Protein backbone atom coordinates (compact mmCIF):
# COMPACT_ATOMS: atom_id res chain seq x y z
CA MET A 1 -111.23 70.63 -4.50
CA SER A 2 -107.66 69.54 -5.20
CA ILE A 3 -104.55 70.60 -3.45
CA HIS A 4 -101.31 70.85 -5.38
CA VAL A 5 -98.17 70.67 -3.32
CA SER A 6 -94.95 71.65 -5.08
CA ILE A 7 -91.67 70.28 -3.84
CA ASP A 8 -89.53 71.92 -6.48
CA HIS A 9 -88.09 74.34 -3.97
CA LEU A 10 -87.56 71.85 -1.19
CA HIS A 11 -83.94 70.85 -0.51
CA LEU A 12 -83.85 67.09 -0.07
CA ASP A 13 -80.74 65.77 1.64
CA PRO A 14 -80.98 61.97 2.01
CA LEU A 15 -78.10 61.93 4.47
CA GLY A 16 -79.38 64.81 6.54
CA VAL A 17 -77.24 67.51 8.07
CA THR A 18 -75.71 65.12 10.61
CA GLY A 19 -74.86 62.58 7.95
CA THR A 20 -73.28 65.18 5.72
CA ARG A 21 -71.16 66.52 8.55
CA LEU A 22 -70.15 63.01 9.54
CA ARG A 23 -69.13 62.25 5.97
CA GLY A 24 -67.07 65.43 5.91
CA LEU A 25 -65.30 64.50 9.14
CA VAL A 26 -64.53 61.00 7.85
CA LEU A 27 -63.14 62.32 4.58
CA ARG A 28 -61.00 64.88 6.37
CA ALA A 29 -59.60 62.15 8.61
CA PHE A 30 -59.19 59.65 5.77
CA PRO A 31 -58.91 61.64 2.51
CA TRP A 32 -57.66 58.57 0.67
CA LEU A 33 -61.23 57.21 0.65
CA THR A 34 -61.89 59.34 -2.43
CA ASP A 35 -58.77 58.09 -4.22
CA ARG A 36 -59.77 55.22 -6.47
CA ALA A 37 -56.14 54.26 -6.97
CA GLU A 38 -55.33 53.89 -3.25
CA ALA A 39 -58.61 53.05 -1.55
CA PRO A 40 -58.93 49.38 -2.67
CA ALA A 41 -55.51 48.38 -1.30
CA ARG A 42 -56.00 50.31 1.93
CA LEU A 43 -59.48 48.87 2.48
CA ALA A 44 -58.07 45.38 2.01
CA LEU A 45 -55.07 45.92 4.29
CA ILE A 46 -57.00 47.40 7.22
CA PRO A 47 -59.33 44.47 8.09
CA VAL A 48 -56.69 41.85 7.35
CA GLY A 49 -54.28 43.74 9.60
CA PHE A 50 -56.72 43.52 12.49
CA LEU A 51 -57.66 39.93 11.74
CA PRO A 52 -55.05 38.08 13.89
CA VAL A 53 -56.02 39.89 17.10
CA THR A 54 -59.69 39.56 16.19
CA LEU A 55 -59.33 35.79 15.82
CA ILE A 56 -57.73 35.54 19.25
CA ALA A 57 -60.70 37.46 20.67
CA ALA A 58 -63.10 35.15 18.81
CA THR A 59 -61.33 32.13 20.28
CA ALA A 60 -61.50 33.62 23.77
CA PHE A 61 -65.25 34.09 23.32
CA GLY A 62 -65.60 30.45 22.28
CA VAL A 63 -66.55 31.08 18.64
CA ALA A 64 -64.11 28.42 17.39
CA GLY A 65 -60.59 27.17 17.98
CA LEU A 66 -57.73 29.39 16.90
CA ARG A 67 -56.31 26.70 14.61
CA GLU A 68 -59.63 26.36 12.79
CA LEU A 69 -60.03 30.13 12.48
CA ALA A 70 -56.49 30.46 11.16
CA LEU A 71 -57.13 27.86 8.47
CA LEU A 72 -60.66 28.88 7.52
CA VAL A 73 -60.49 32.67 7.92
CA LEU A 74 -56.93 33.99 8.16
CA LEU A 75 -55.35 31.93 5.38
CA PRO A 76 -58.03 32.71 2.74
CA SER A 77 -57.91 36.40 3.76
CA LEU A 78 -54.15 36.49 3.25
CA LEU A 79 -54.52 34.86 -0.15
CA ALA A 80 -57.17 37.41 -1.15
CA LEU A 81 -54.94 40.24 0.09
CA THR A 82 -52.08 38.88 -2.00
CA VAL A 83 -54.27 39.15 -5.09
CA VAL A 84 -55.17 42.74 -4.22
CA LEU A 85 -51.51 43.67 -3.72
CA LEU A 86 -50.62 42.07 -7.03
CA CYS A 87 -53.14 44.42 -8.61
CA ARG A 88 -51.81 47.35 -6.57
CA PRO A 89 -48.06 46.55 -6.51
CA ARG A 90 -46.95 49.94 -5.20
CA TRP A 91 -48.51 49.05 -1.84
CA SER A 92 -46.49 45.86 -1.37
CA PRO A 93 -43.24 47.60 -0.27
CA MET A 94 -45.20 49.85 2.10
CA ALA A 95 -46.94 46.84 3.65
CA LEU A 96 -43.58 45.17 4.24
CA ARG A 97 -42.10 48.31 5.80
CA ALA A 98 -45.16 48.66 8.02
CA LEU A 99 -44.79 45.03 9.05
CA ALA A 100 -41.15 45.69 10.00
CA ALA A 101 -42.20 48.77 12.00
CA GLY A 102 -44.73 46.63 13.84
CA VAL A 103 -42.06 44.08 14.71
CA VAL A 104 -39.82 46.82 16.13
CA ALA A 105 -42.68 48.34 18.13
CA THR A 106 -43.68 44.93 19.47
CA ALA A 107 -40.10 44.19 20.49
CA LEU A 108 -39.96 47.39 22.56
CA TYR A 109 -43.32 46.49 24.08
CA ASP A 110 -41.87 43.09 25.00
CA VAL A 111 -38.85 44.64 26.69
CA PHE A 112 -41.31 46.34 29.03
CA ARG A 113 -43.52 43.26 29.37
CA GLY A 114 -40.52 41.02 29.91
CA SER A 115 -39.56 42.92 33.03
CA PHE A 116 -42.84 41.81 34.63
CA VAL A 117 -42.14 38.21 33.63
CA VAL A 118 -38.55 38.32 34.96
CA LEU A 119 -39.70 39.80 38.26
CA GLY A 120 -42.27 37.03 38.64
CA SER A 121 -45.26 39.38 38.46
CA MET A 122 -46.82 37.36 35.64
CA GLN A 123 -46.16 34.39 33.40
CA ASP A 124 -45.44 34.65 29.71
CA PRO A 125 -48.82 34.20 27.96
CA ILE A 126 -47.50 34.05 24.40
CA PRO A 127 -46.92 30.25 24.31
CA HIS A 128 -50.67 29.92 24.92
CA ILE A 129 -51.19 31.17 21.37
CA GLY A 130 -48.95 28.43 19.96
CA ALA A 131 -50.78 25.87 22.08
CA ALA A 132 -54.12 27.12 20.75
CA LEU A 133 -52.74 26.66 17.23
CA ASN A 134 -51.76 23.12 18.20
CA LEU A 135 -48.25 23.74 16.90
CA ASP A 136 -44.97 22.76 18.51
CA PRO A 137 -42.89 24.35 19.91
CA ALA A 138 -45.73 26.46 21.24
CA TRP A 139 -43.51 29.39 22.27
CA LEU A 140 -42.06 29.73 18.76
CA PHE A 141 -45.38 29.75 16.91
CA GLY A 142 -46.90 31.91 19.63
CA TYR A 143 -44.25 34.57 19.11
CA LEU A 144 -44.49 34.31 15.33
CA TRP A 145 -48.22 35.04 15.64
CA ARG A 146 -47.53 37.87 18.07
CA TYR A 147 -44.90 39.61 15.99
CA LEU A 148 -46.06 38.97 12.43
CA GLY A 149 -49.79 38.70 13.13
CA ASN A 150 -50.70 40.91 16.06
CA GLY A 151 -47.94 43.53 16.11
CA GLY A 152 -47.18 43.48 12.41
CA GLY A 153 -50.80 43.27 11.31
CA MET A 154 -51.94 46.19 13.44
CA ALA A 155 -48.99 48.23 12.15
CA ILE A 156 -50.08 47.55 8.58
CA ALA A 157 -53.61 48.67 9.47
CA PHE A 158 -52.21 51.81 11.15
CA VAL A 159 -50.26 52.81 8.05
CA ALA A 160 -53.09 51.87 5.70
CA LEU A 161 -55.41 54.12 7.69
CA GLY A 162 -53.01 56.97 6.94
CA LEU A 163 -52.15 57.50 10.61
CA ARG A 164 -48.80 58.79 11.86
CA GLY A 165 -47.24 60.69 14.75
CA VAL A 166 -46.51 59.80 18.36
CA ARG A 167 -49.73 61.17 19.83
CA VAL A 168 -51.87 59.45 17.24
CA GLY A 169 -49.87 56.27 17.78
CA ILE A 170 -50.45 56.37 21.54
CA ALA A 171 -54.19 56.84 20.98
CA TYR A 172 -54.12 53.89 18.59
CA GLY A 173 -52.25 51.76 21.12
CA LEU A 174 -54.77 52.61 23.84
CA PHE A 175 -57.62 51.77 21.46
CA VAL A 176 -56.09 48.34 20.87
CA CYS A 177 -55.50 47.93 24.62
CA SER A 178 -59.15 48.70 25.34
CA GLY A 179 -60.08 45.77 23.11
CA LEU A 180 -57.67 43.52 25.01
CA LEU A 181 -59.12 44.56 28.35
CA PHE A 182 -62.64 44.00 27.04
CA VAL A 183 -61.71 40.44 26.10
CA LEU A 184 -60.09 39.82 29.49
CA VAL A 185 -63.16 41.07 31.33
CA PHE A 186 -65.97 39.59 29.27
CA ALA A 187 -64.66 36.61 27.29
CA PRO A 188 -65.23 33.24 29.01
CA HIS A 189 -61.74 32.02 28.05
CA GLY A 190 -59.97 35.39 27.89
CA GLN A 191 -57.88 35.17 31.03
CA GLU A 192 -57.21 31.49 30.49
CA MET A 193 -55.91 32.07 26.98
CA LEU A 194 -54.09 35.34 27.66
CA PHE A 195 -53.31 36.29 31.26
CA PRO A 196 -55.13 36.87 34.57
CA LEU A 197 -56.56 40.32 35.06
CA SER A 198 -55.02 42.23 37.95
CA ALA A 199 -53.71 45.70 38.73
CA THR A 200 -50.23 44.55 37.72
CA THR A 201 -51.28 43.12 34.36
CA VAL A 202 -53.40 46.20 33.60
CA VAL A 203 -50.34 48.41 34.17
CA MET A 204 -48.31 46.09 31.95
CA ALA A 205 -50.92 46.07 29.18
CA VAL A 206 -51.54 49.82 29.18
CA GLY A 207 -47.85 50.69 29.41
CA GLY A 208 -46.91 48.18 26.74
CA HIS A 209 -49.53 49.43 24.30
CA VAL A 210 -48.46 53.03 24.88
CA ILE A 211 -44.89 52.02 24.02
CA TYR A 212 -46.07 50.10 20.98
CA GLY A 213 -48.25 52.94 19.73
CA ALA A 214 -45.70 55.68 20.35
CA THR A 215 -43.00 53.71 18.56
CA LEU A 216 -45.26 52.87 15.65
CA GLY A 217 -46.43 56.47 15.32
CA TRP A 218 -42.87 57.80 15.36
CA LEU A 219 -41.71 55.28 12.78
CA ALA A 220 -44.67 56.05 10.53
CA ALA A 221 -43.94 59.77 10.68
CA ASN A 222 -40.17 59.65 10.39
CA VAL A 223 -39.14 56.45 8.63
CA LEU A 224 -41.97 55.04 6.56
CA GLU A 225 -42.79 56.62 3.26
CA ARG A 226 -46.12 56.84 1.54
CA PRO A 227 -46.46 54.91 -1.68
CA VAL A 228 -45.85 57.01 -4.76
């Protein structure tokens, strides 16, 4: 006796209901993923934008020295991104405007952070970045990394993600801050490379990232323009 099982009427969904719904949510949040003209540039800008802060975290966890990571990872990534932008030239002006917005947002963050340094509540940790790069003067190269790498890079990622608005910016800033706090708590060299973890520095970090995110979100919504 043979049994014939027909599957003609079965609905096969390889992603499943959950996967399909998740895909729908992602595409509603990031509709540009379906745009073949925009997606390549955005997908290149986003990881490179996060790379400078990621390399600091990697250094704090003892993966490698920051100078080595900058030469072996950051520099080739920037060269690859340059090639992508040459192929998608309409994104180059937007990336530069996003970088400028990140510099402005970081400057306002530093006004808040600087008050803690002036009052003696904490030392300025930024020269530690320059020292890790083995470049002199350490404070200059530390601040260049902070403004063009950390602040500017995360602003480029923010804009490339298609995010804008003060509330979204604040959420983004808090997301970035959560990564910083994770490094400070768990990385063997986190507090040595950045700053000691205390109630005061937590207030500084959270407040500073809220300022950064709110500023970035406002600039993205009111000043920056989408590429056309």
